[in-house]
Amino acid sequence: MKTDIKSRLEALRAEMDKAGVDLAVIPHADPHQSEYMSSHWHLRGFFSGFTGSAGTLVVGKEEACLWTDSRYFLQAAQQLEGTGIKLMKEGIPGTPEISEYIIKSLPAGATVGIDGMQFSINAENSLRKELNAHDIELDTTFRPADAIWTDRPALPANKAFIHELKYSGEATADKISKILNAINQKGADSILVSALDELAWTLNLRGSDVKYNPVVTAFLYLGKENSTLFIDEIKLDDKTNAYLTANGISTAPYDGVATFLSRLPETEKVLVDPASTSSAMASPLGNRMVTEKSPIPLMKGVKNEVQIAGIHAAMKRDGVALVRAMMDIEQMLSEGKTLTEMEVGRILTRRRSEQPLYFDDSFGTIAGYRGHGAIVHYEATPESDSTIEPDGLLLIDSGAQYLDGTTDITRTIALGSPTEDERHDFTLVMKGHIALGSAIFPEGTRGSQLDALARHFLWNEGKSYLHGTGHGVGHFLNVHEGPQNIRLNENPATLVPGMLTSNEPGLYITDKYGIRCENLILTVPAFTTEFGNFYKFETVTLFPFDIKLFDVNIMTEEEICWLNAYHKRVYDTLSPELNKQECEWLEKKTIPLTKDIQ
């Protein structure tokens, strides 16, 4: 593989020479600006060997570098070893921004090559502005994979299907009406929807084009007079065609967007979200373009009553599946059977797939044993797969896509007797988890204003984690969504009732262990006073934390009460769905903690 990467970089540089490009920038992106995408668009992975979901490859005539964030530092270091590609750790002092690196590397008059289909309007404009200031040209038509990647996977051709109203809770016609009203207030007549999850939510359509993300590869134009879905016709059957027609949606070829946009009346104003629309896709609009945030993420992010009921039902089924999976794992270890990280993922998938309304996992299971747990987004491969023994810590981050909800849960498990350091660190992480989950906050609060609650106890001891504390979660959609998040970085989106967000502080000790404790939390009203409306979080995930890992000596009575109340709710909710043996197992896992009993 390392040899393949080197030869691919040589071929890339040859294409750069042909095109007059001095440096190429290859992001992990598709024309829809997706976080996760079909394998057809894994260009950065093809040229670098790095498989993480975030990162950008920069290739010059002599040097190649890859930028990625803290979630992938360890993984990238391993996958880039022997390729000649230098790892650039984003957010670490001394690491230059990509634009800064380019400017220092190239003289005036040089040319940077990108594929405008892979760059959002914002990303291209930002890069162009930086380069123009130093007389460096930007070529947005550089597509080297066309000549090099001869066995490139085709675009997905999977069938789309209708997400029924009994699950979605809101009709497509009503959603379209709301969207058109919202864009009209922004001075637009129509909207081009590029983001696949926005399109799926709007039309109540789902698919299987992207692994773990039930989306359909298409573009959507919504206008006052007519609306068009740009999609490969092979993806539609008679039922979905009739459904689209009934909702006033015509269809056109997937690659027909640019021509369609170029033929719109000169007076029409089309809203495009500059963060989720590729620059190449929007360019035919010219002066017709209105660059504003799409109103859809907020509409999609606030779950309705039907969706919330579905989320609770999905969490219950997921909890049942997790009980059975963990019992399987413990039994294999107690019987001395070989258990690997990859097998943990298979067990979880098998148990979840037994549940009604299961569609798929919501992401590849992260089962990190000992040092692998310190790799934040670790996913075991046949080469890295570790055998799990009845000792040490095992971090399991997993989730599922059910027709009525999406789940995402992380538990850290002690497979033997945990060390004092492991118990201490775990308890610090849980204290932050409890603090955030217990927060009460006024209307208008942003996630960045709450993030420190989860980090406070770690910071007191000079410890921290570099990833965000919480991300939005879709409803039978992408496990990562906006507009809200909980992280140190500023984000103008406020937390409002109906938003589903993760609560996942962690701590990672390189080569030793990783700790992460994740539940999903729903923003709900708390109370109203003369000072306004106040909100709180309702924890919806249902599965116990490992009581062996708690050091009650550093916990307050309030924290112990929170944990015991949560565990009681887990038992009371799940036990009616379990057999006697499973109930006995769960009862042991939810024994109340006290200061006297550890």
Foldseek 3Di string as FASTA:
>chain_A
DLVQLQVLLVLVLVLCVVVQAFKEKQWQFALQRDLFAFQLRRVVCNNQVQDDSGWMWMDGNPAIEIEDEPLCPVVSVVRRPNNRYHYAYPPDPPRDDPLVVVLVVDAAPHEYEAALSGAFLVRVVVSCVSQVVRNYHYHNHDDSCVPPVPVRDDQDLAAKDALDCLQLVDALLVLLVVQCVVVVVVVAFKEKNRNFQLVCSNHNMFPCRTPLFGTAHWIKIRGPVAIEIAHDCSRYDPVVCVSCVVSRYHYHHRPCQLVVLLPDDLPGAYEYARSRGGPVSCVSNVPSYDHDHRPRQVVQQFGDPSLVVLLLVLLLLLQLLVLVLVVVVLVCQVVVHWDKQVNSQVSSQVSSVVGPQFDHKNDQKQKAFFQRQLSNPDHDDPVRIDTDHLAGKIKIWTWTQGSSFIFIWIAIDGSHQDDPVQLVQQQLQLQLLVQQQFDKFAPQAALLVSQVSRCVSQVVVPFADRDFQKAWQGGSGHGGGDDGTHGNDDHRDHADARGKMKGWGWGHDHNGHIGIGIFIWGKDWDDADPVGTMIHTDTSRAYAHAPSSHDCVPPDPVSLVVRLVRLVVNLVSNVVVDDPVSSVVSCVRNPRDDNVHD
